[in-house]
N, C-alpha and C. Protein backbone atom coordinates (compact mmCIF):
# COMPACT_ATOMS: atom_id res chain seq x y z
N UNK A 1 0.84 -1.16 0.00
CA UNK A 1 0.00 0.00 0.00
C UNK A 1 0.89 1.23 0.00
N UNK A 2 0.56 2.15 -0.85
CA UNK A 2 1.38 3.35 -1.03
C UNK A 2 0.73 4.52 -0.29
N UNK A 3 1.50 5.19 0.57
CA UNK A 3 1.03 6.37 1.29
C UNK A 3 1.85 7.54 0.81
N UNK A 4 1.17 8.59 0.45
CA UNK A 4 1.91 9.73 -0.07
C UNK A 4 2.63 10.45 1.06
N UNK A 5 3.73 11.04 0.70
CA UNK A 5 4.54 11.78 1.66
C UNK A 5 3.80 13.02 2.15
N UNK A 6 3.04 13.62 1.28
CA UNK A 6 2.31 14.84 1.62
C UNK A 6 1.25 14.56 2.70
N UNK A 7 0.59 13.41 2.62
CA UNK A 7 -0.41 13.01 3.59
C UNK A 7 0.21 12.82 4.96
N UNK A 8 1.37 12.19 5.01
CA UNK A 8 2.05 11.95 6.28
C UNK A 8 2.50 13.26 6.92
N UNK A 9 2.94 14.20 6.11
CA UNK A 9 3.40 15.48 6.64
C UNK A 9 2.23 16.24 7.26
N UNK A 10 1.07 16.21 6.63
CA UNK A 10 -0.08 16.92 7.19
C UNK A 10 -0.52 16.27 8.51
N UNK A 11 -0.46 14.93 8.61
CA UNK A 11 -0.82 14.25 9.85
C UNK A 11 0.15 14.61 10.96
N UNK A 12 1.44 14.66 10.65
CA UNK A 12 2.45 15.01 11.65
C UNK A 12 2.24 16.45 12.10
N UNK A 13 1.91 17.34 11.18
CA UNK A 13 1.67 18.73 11.53
C UNK A 13 0.46 18.86 12.45
N UNK A 14 -0.60 18.09 12.17
CA UNK A 14 -1.79 18.13 13.02
C UNK A 14 -1.46 17.66 14.43
N UNK A 15 -0.70 16.56 14.54
CA UNK A 15 -0.35 16.03 15.85
C UNK A 15 0.53 17.01 16.61
N UNK A 16 1.47 17.63 15.92
CA UNK A 16 2.36 18.58 16.57
C UNK A 16 1.57 19.79 17.05
N UNK A 17 0.64 20.27 16.25
CA UNK A 17 -0.18 21.42 16.64
C UNK A 17 -1.05 21.07 17.85
N UNK A 18 -1.59 19.87 17.87
CA UNK A 18 -2.42 19.44 18.98
C UNK A 18 -1.59 19.34 20.26
N UNK A 19 -0.39 18.77 20.14
CA UNK A 19 0.50 18.67 21.29
C UNK A 19 0.88 20.05 21.81
N UNK A 20 1.16 20.96 20.91
CA UNK A 20 1.54 22.32 21.31
C UNK A 20 0.38 23.00 22.04
N UNK A 21 -0.82 22.86 21.51
CA UNK A 21 -1.98 23.48 22.15
C UNK A 21 -2.22 22.88 23.53
N UNK A 22 -2.06 21.57 23.65
CA UNK A 22 -2.24 20.91 24.94
C UNK A 22 -1.20 21.39 25.94
N UNK A 23 0.03 21.53 25.49
CA UNK A 23 1.10 22.00 26.36
C UNK A 23 0.83 23.43 26.83
N UNK A 24 0.39 24.28 25.93
CA UNK A 24 0.10 25.67 26.29
C UNK A 24 -1.03 25.73 27.32
N UNK A 25 -2.08 24.96 27.10
CA UNK A 25 -3.20 24.95 28.04
C UNK A 25 -2.78 24.42 29.40
N UNK A 26 -1.96 23.37 29.41
CA UNK A 26 -1.51 22.79 30.67
C UNK A 26 -0.66 23.79 31.45
N UNK A 27 0.24 24.47 30.77
CA UNK A 27 1.10 25.45 31.44
C UNK A 27 0.29 26.63 31.97
N UNK A 28 -0.66 27.11 31.19
CA UNK A 28 -1.46 28.24 31.65
C UNK A 28 -2.33 27.84 32.83
N UNK A 29 -2.84 26.60 32.82
CA UNK A 29 -3.65 26.12 33.93
C UNK A 29 -2.81 26.01 35.19
N UNK A 30 -1.58 25.52 35.07
CA UNK A 30 -0.71 25.40 36.23
C UNK A 30 -0.32 26.75 36.79
N UNK A 31 -0.16 27.75 35.92
CA UNK A 31 0.18 29.08 36.40
C UNK A 31 -0.99 29.68 37.18
N UNK A 32 -2.20 29.41 36.72
CA UNK A 32 -3.38 29.94 37.42
C UNK A 32 -3.55 29.23 38.76
N UNK A 33 -3.28 27.95 38.82
CA UNK A 33 -3.53 27.15 40.01
C UNK A 33 -2.39 27.19 41.02
N UNK A 34 -1.39 28.04 40.85
CA UNK A 34 -0.29 28.06 41.80
C UNK A 34 -0.70 28.67 43.12
N UNK A 35 -1.72 29.55 43.12
CA UNK A 35 -2.19 30.13 44.38
C UNK A 35 -2.97 29.07 45.15
N UNK A 36 -2.62 28.90 46.42
CA UNK A 36 -3.33 27.92 47.24
C UNK A 36 -4.65 28.54 47.72
N UNK A 37 -5.72 27.76 47.74
CA UNK A 37 -7.00 28.32 48.21
C UNK A 37 -6.94 28.60 49.71
N UNK A 38 -7.74 29.54 50.14
CA UNK A 38 -7.81 29.90 51.54
C UNK A 38 -8.70 28.88 52.26
N UNK A 39 -8.09 28.07 53.09
CA UNK A 39 -8.83 27.00 53.77
C UNK A 39 -9.23 27.37 55.19
N UNK A 40 -9.04 28.63 55.58
CA UNK A 40 -9.38 29.04 56.95
C UNK A 40 -10.87 28.86 57.24
N UNK A 41 -11.70 29.16 56.26
CA UNK A 41 -13.15 29.04 56.44
C UNK A 41 -13.52 27.59 56.74
N UNK A 42 -12.93 26.65 56.00
CA UNK A 42 -13.27 25.24 56.21
C UNK A 42 -12.68 24.71 57.51
N UNK A 43 -11.55 25.28 57.94
CA UNK A 43 -11.01 24.90 59.25
C UNK A 43 -11.95 25.34 60.35
N UNK A 44 -12.53 26.53 60.21
CA UNK A 44 -13.49 27.02 61.21
C UNK A 44 -14.75 26.16 61.21
N UNK A 45 -15.20 25.76 60.02
CA UNK A 45 -16.39 24.89 59.93
C UNK A 45 -16.11 23.55 60.59
N UNK A 46 -14.92 22.99 60.35
CA UNK A 46 -14.57 21.71 60.98
C UNK A 46 -14.50 21.85 62.50
N UNK A 47 -13.98 22.98 62.98
CA UNK A 47 -13.91 23.21 64.42
C UNK A 47 -15.31 23.31 65.02
N UNK A 48 -16.21 24.03 64.33
CA UNK A 48 -17.58 24.14 64.82
C UNK A 48 -18.29 22.79 64.80
N UNK A 49 -18.04 22.00 63.76
CA UNK A 49 -18.66 20.67 63.68
C UNK A 49 -18.13 19.76 64.78
N UNK A 50 -16.85 19.87 65.07
CA UNK A 50 -16.25 19.05 66.13
C UNK A 50 -16.87 19.40 67.49
N UNK A 51 -17.17 20.67 67.70
CA UNK A 51 -17.76 21.12 68.96
C UNK A 51 -19.28 20.95 69.00
N UNK A 52 -19.87 20.45 67.91
CA UNK A 52 -21.31 20.20 67.88
C UNK A 52 -22.15 21.43 67.60
N UNK A 53 -21.56 22.44 67.00
CA UNK A 53 -22.28 23.68 66.72
C UNK A 53 -22.61 23.83 65.24
N UNK A 54 -22.32 22.83 64.43
CA UNK A 54 -22.54 22.90 62.99
C UNK A 54 -23.34 21.68 62.57
N UNK A 55 -24.39 21.89 61.79
CA UNK A 55 -25.22 20.81 61.26
C UNK A 55 -24.62 20.33 59.95
N UNK A 56 -24.03 19.15 59.96
CA UNK A 56 -23.34 18.64 58.77
C UNK A 56 -24.30 18.26 57.66
N UNK A 57 -25.50 17.88 58.00
CA UNK A 57 -26.45 17.45 56.98
C UNK A 57 -26.92 18.64 56.15
N UNK A 58 -27.27 19.73 56.81
CA UNK A 58 -27.76 20.92 56.11
C UNK A 58 -26.67 21.93 55.79
N UNK A 59 -25.45 21.68 56.28
CA UNK A 59 -24.31 22.57 56.08
C UNK A 59 -24.62 23.98 56.57
N UNK A 60 -25.16 24.05 57.78
CA UNK A 60 -25.53 25.31 58.42
C UNK A 60 -25.26 25.18 59.91
N UNK A 61 -25.21 26.31 60.62
CA UNK A 61 -25.11 26.21 62.09
C UNK A 61 -26.37 25.58 62.66
N UNK A 62 -26.23 24.99 63.82
CA UNK A 62 -27.41 24.41 64.49
C UNK A 62 -28.41 25.51 64.82
N UNK A 63 -29.67 25.14 64.92
CA UNK A 63 -30.72 26.13 65.13
C UNK A 63 -30.71 26.72 66.54
N UNK A 64 -30.49 25.93 67.55
CA UNK A 64 -30.59 26.40 68.93
C UNK A 64 -29.22 26.73 69.50
N UNK A 65 -28.60 27.78 69.00
CA UNK A 65 -27.34 28.26 69.55
C UNK A 65 -27.57 29.61 70.20
N UNK A 66 -26.82 29.90 71.26
CA UNK A 66 -27.00 31.15 71.99
C UNK A 66 -25.64 31.76 72.30
N UNK A 67 -25.62 33.07 72.45
CA UNK A 67 -24.43 33.78 72.89
C UNK A 67 -23.33 33.87 71.84
N UNK A 68 -22.10 33.74 72.32
CA UNK A 68 -20.95 33.89 71.42
C UNK A 68 -20.85 32.73 70.44
N UNK A 69 -21.33 31.55 70.83
CA UNK A 69 -21.32 30.41 69.91
C UNK A 69 -22.16 30.72 68.67
N UNK A 70 -23.31 31.32 68.90
CA UNK A 70 -24.19 31.68 67.79
C UNK A 70 -23.53 32.73 66.91
N UNK A 71 -22.93 33.74 67.51
CA UNK A 71 -22.27 34.79 66.72
C UNK A 71 -21.15 34.22 65.87
N UNK A 72 -20.35 33.34 66.46
CA UNK A 72 -19.23 32.75 65.73
C UNK A 72 -19.72 31.88 64.57
N UNK A 73 -20.73 31.06 64.84
CA UNK A 73 -21.25 30.16 63.81
C UNK A 73 -21.92 30.94 62.68
N UNK A 74 -22.66 31.99 63.03
CA UNK A 74 -23.34 32.78 62.00
C UNK A 74 -22.35 33.58 61.16
N UNK A 75 -21.26 34.03 61.77
CA UNK A 75 -20.23 34.74 61.02
C UNK A 75 -19.60 33.82 59.98
N UNK A 76 -19.29 32.60 60.39
CA UNK A 76 -18.71 31.63 59.45
C UNK A 76 -19.71 31.32 58.35
N UNK A 77 -20.98 31.15 58.71
CA UNK A 77 -22.00 30.82 57.71
C UNK A 77 -22.20 31.95 56.71
N UNK A 78 -22.19 33.20 57.19
CA UNK A 78 -22.34 34.34 56.27
C UNK A 78 -21.15 34.45 55.34
N UNK A 79 -19.95 34.12 55.82
CA UNK A 79 -18.78 34.10 54.94
C UNK A 79 -18.89 32.98 53.91
N UNK A 80 -19.48 31.87 54.30
CA UNK A 80 -19.64 30.74 53.39
C UNK A 80 -20.68 31.03 52.31
N UNK A 81 -21.82 31.58 52.71
CA UNK A 81 -22.92 31.81 51.78
C UNK A 81 -22.71 33.07 50.96
N UNK A 82 -22.25 34.13 51.58
CA UNK A 82 -22.09 35.39 50.88
C UNK A 82 -23.32 36.27 51.06
N UNK A 83 -23.20 37.51 50.66
CA UNK A 83 -24.28 38.47 50.86
C UNK A 83 -25.16 38.65 49.62
N UNK A 84 -24.89 37.93 48.55
CA UNK A 84 -25.66 38.11 47.32
C UNK A 84 -26.96 37.29 47.31
N UNK A 85 -27.19 36.47 48.31
CA UNK A 85 -28.40 35.65 48.38
C UNK A 85 -29.52 36.44 49.06
N UNK A 86 -30.78 36.04 48.85
CA UNK A 86 -31.90 36.68 49.55
C UNK A 86 -31.79 36.50 51.07
N UNK A 87 -32.52 37.33 51.81
CA UNK A 87 -32.40 37.36 53.27
C UNK A 87 -32.67 36.00 53.90
N UNK A 88 -33.75 35.34 53.51
CA UNK A 88 -34.10 34.07 54.14
C UNK A 88 -33.13 32.96 53.78
N UNK A 89 -32.48 33.03 52.64
CA UNK A 89 -31.50 32.01 52.28
C UNK A 89 -30.20 32.18 53.05
N UNK A 90 -29.97 33.36 53.60
CA UNK A 90 -28.76 33.61 54.38
C UNK A 90 -28.94 33.23 55.84
N UNK A 91 -30.13 32.89 56.27
CA UNK A 91 -30.41 32.54 57.65
C UNK A 91 -30.55 31.03 57.78
N UNK A 92 -30.18 30.52 58.95
CA UNK A 92 -30.29 29.07 59.16
C UNK A 92 -31.74 28.64 59.29
N UNK A 93 -32.60 29.52 59.75
CA UNK A 93 -34.01 29.19 59.92
C UNK A 93 -34.84 29.59 58.70
N UNK A 94 -34.20 29.89 57.59
CA UNK A 94 -34.89 30.37 56.40
C UNK A 94 -35.90 29.38 55.84
N UNK A 95 -35.55 28.10 55.83
CA UNK A 95 -36.47 27.10 55.28
C UNK A 95 -37.73 26.97 56.14
N UNK A 96 -37.57 27.06 57.46
CA UNK A 96 -38.73 26.97 58.34
C UNK A 96 -39.65 28.17 58.13
N UNK A 97 -39.08 29.35 57.98
CA UNK A 97 -39.90 30.55 57.76
C UNK A 97 -40.60 30.47 56.41
N UNK A 98 -39.91 29.97 55.39
CA UNK A 98 -40.53 29.81 54.07
C UNK A 98 -41.72 28.84 54.15
N UNK A 99 -41.57 27.77 54.93
CA UNK A 99 -42.65 26.81 55.10
C UNK A 99 -43.86 27.46 55.77
N UNK A 100 -43.62 28.22 56.83
CA UNK A 100 -44.72 28.91 57.51
C UNK A 100 -45.38 29.94 56.61
N UNK A 101 -44.59 30.64 55.82
CA UNK A 101 -45.16 31.60 54.88
C UNK A 101 -46.01 30.91 53.81
N UNK A 102 -45.58 29.75 53.36
CA UNK A 102 -46.36 29.01 52.37
C UNK A 102 -47.71 28.57 52.95
N UNK A 103 -47.70 28.11 54.20
CA UNK A 103 -48.96 27.72 54.85
C UNK A 103 -49.86 28.94 55.00
N UNK A 104 -49.29 30.07 55.41
CA UNK A 104 -50.07 31.30 55.55
C UNK A 104 -50.66 31.74 54.23
N UNK A 105 -49.89 31.66 53.16
CA UNK A 105 -50.40 32.02 51.83
C UNK A 105 -51.55 31.11 51.42
N UNK A 106 -51.44 29.83 51.75
CA UNK A 106 -52.50 28.87 51.41
C UNK A 106 -53.81 29.27 52.09
N UNK A 107 -53.76 29.53 53.40
CA UNK A 107 -54.99 29.88 54.12
C UNK A 107 -55.53 31.24 53.69
N UNK A 108 -54.65 32.19 53.43
CA UNK A 108 -55.12 33.49 52.94
C UNK A 108 -55.77 33.38 51.56
N UNK A 109 -55.25 32.52 50.73
CA UNK A 109 -55.85 32.30 49.41
C UNK A 109 -57.24 31.69 49.54
N UNK A 110 -57.37 30.69 50.40
CA UNK A 110 -58.68 30.07 50.64
C UNK A 110 -59.67 31.12 51.17
N UNK A 111 -59.24 31.91 52.14
CA UNK A 111 -60.09 32.95 52.72
C UNK A 111 -60.49 33.97 51.66
N UNK A 112 -59.55 34.38 50.82
CA UNK A 112 -59.83 35.35 49.76
C UNK A 112 -60.82 34.81 48.74
N UNK A 113 -60.69 33.54 48.38
CA UNK A 113 -61.62 32.94 47.42
C UNK A 113 -63.02 32.88 48.02
N UNK A 114 -63.12 32.52 49.29
CA UNK A 114 -64.44 32.46 49.95
C UNK A 114 -65.08 33.85 50.02
N UNK A 115 -64.31 34.86 50.38
CA UNK A 115 -64.85 36.22 50.45
C UNK A 115 -65.24 36.74 49.06
N UNK A 116 -64.46 36.41 48.05
CA UNK A 116 -64.81 36.82 46.69
C UNK A 116 -66.11 36.14 46.25
N UNK A 117 -66.30 34.88 46.63
CA UNK A 117 -67.54 34.17 46.32
C UNK A 117 -68.72 34.85 46.99
N UNK A 118 -68.56 35.26 48.24
CA UNK A 118 -69.65 35.95 48.95
C UNK A 118 -69.98 37.29 48.31
N UNK A 119 -68.96 38.00 47.85
CA UNK A 119 -69.19 39.32 47.27
C UNK A 119 -69.76 39.26 45.86
N UNK A 120 -69.34 38.30 45.08
CA UNK A 120 -69.70 38.28 43.66
C UNK A 120 -70.98 37.50 43.36
N UNK A 121 -71.26 36.46 44.13
CA UNK A 121 -72.44 35.63 43.86
C UNK A 121 -73.60 36.15 44.71
N UNK A 122 -74.76 36.39 44.11
CA UNK A 122 -75.91 36.93 44.87
C UNK A 122 -76.34 35.98 45.99
N UNK A 123 -76.91 36.58 47.04
CA UNK A 123 -77.30 35.79 48.21
C UNK A 123 -78.43 34.82 47.88
N UNK A 124 -79.32 35.22 47.01
CA UNK A 124 -80.44 34.33 46.67
C UNK A 124 -79.95 33.09 45.93
N UNK A 125 -78.86 33.19 45.21
CA UNK A 125 -78.31 32.03 44.51
C UNK A 125 -77.50 31.17 45.49
N UNK A 126 -76.72 31.83 46.36
CA UNK A 126 -75.88 31.09 47.31
C UNK A 126 -76.73 30.35 48.34
N UNK A 127 -77.77 30.98 48.82
CA UNK A 127 -78.59 30.42 49.89
C UNK A 127 -79.94 29.98 49.35
N UNK A 128 -79.93 29.04 48.44
CA UNK A 128 -81.16 28.60 47.79
C UNK A 128 -82.11 27.92 48.77
N UNK A 129 -81.60 27.23 49.77
CA UNK A 129 -82.49 26.57 50.73
C UNK A 129 -83.17 27.58 51.63
N UNK A 130 -82.46 28.64 51.97
CA UNK A 130 -83.04 29.67 52.84
C UNK A 130 -84.18 30.39 52.12
N UNK A 131 -83.98 30.65 50.84
CA UNK A 131 -84.99 31.39 50.08
C UNK A 131 -85.92 30.48 49.28
N UNK A 132 -85.94 29.22 49.58
CA UNK A 132 -86.84 28.29 48.88
C UNK A 132 -88.28 28.60 49.29
N UNK A 133 -89.25 28.36 48.37
CA UNK A 133 -90.66 28.64 48.72
C UNK A 133 -91.12 27.73 49.87
N UNK A 134 -91.84 28.33 50.80
CA UNK A 134 -92.32 27.61 51.99
C UNK A 134 -93.68 26.99 51.68
N UNK A 135 -93.87 25.78 52.18
CA UNK A 135 -95.15 25.08 51.99
C UNK A 135 -95.74 24.81 53.37
N UNK A 136 -96.44 25.79 53.91
CA UNK A 136 -96.96 25.67 55.27
C UNK A 136 -98.22 24.80 55.34
N UNK A 137 -98.99 24.78 54.27
CA UNK A 137 -100.27 24.08 54.33
C UNK A 137 -100.17 22.60 54.02
N UNK A 138 -99.04 22.16 53.56
CA UNK A 138 -98.91 20.75 53.19
C UNK A 138 -98.61 19.90 54.42
N UNK A 139 -99.32 18.73 54.49
CA UNK A 139 -99.07 17.78 55.57
C UNK A 139 -98.64 16.48 54.95
N UNK A 140 -97.67 15.87 55.58
CA UNK A 140 -97.15 14.62 55.01
C UNK A 140 -97.70 13.43 55.71
């Protein structure tokens, strides 16, 4: 089988270009990754978890903390979450408050629908039994 020299040269050029691109990307990635990440935040979280002040399942401080323990845990949590989140997402009790608000919205919606029904539908239609014709003279 005959392979042209020109075909082999183009294949070698493609491989060399690919290798060069890979090398450039690898070097640039290593230059970017030379800075070590700041692990102080995670050390503080591990310390709080060791002392029983951090909820590992929800990755938040425990709900019933008081005093300086609460201040320390909330400071670490605010550094972890950041300030760009909504208010309730930045609090450890945010999910519980959202749940209570959802229940409140449900009952307010039911109440609003009932009041709208009372206002919009005439009383004679709503209370058909009350306004039904009376038959006083009939005996059964």
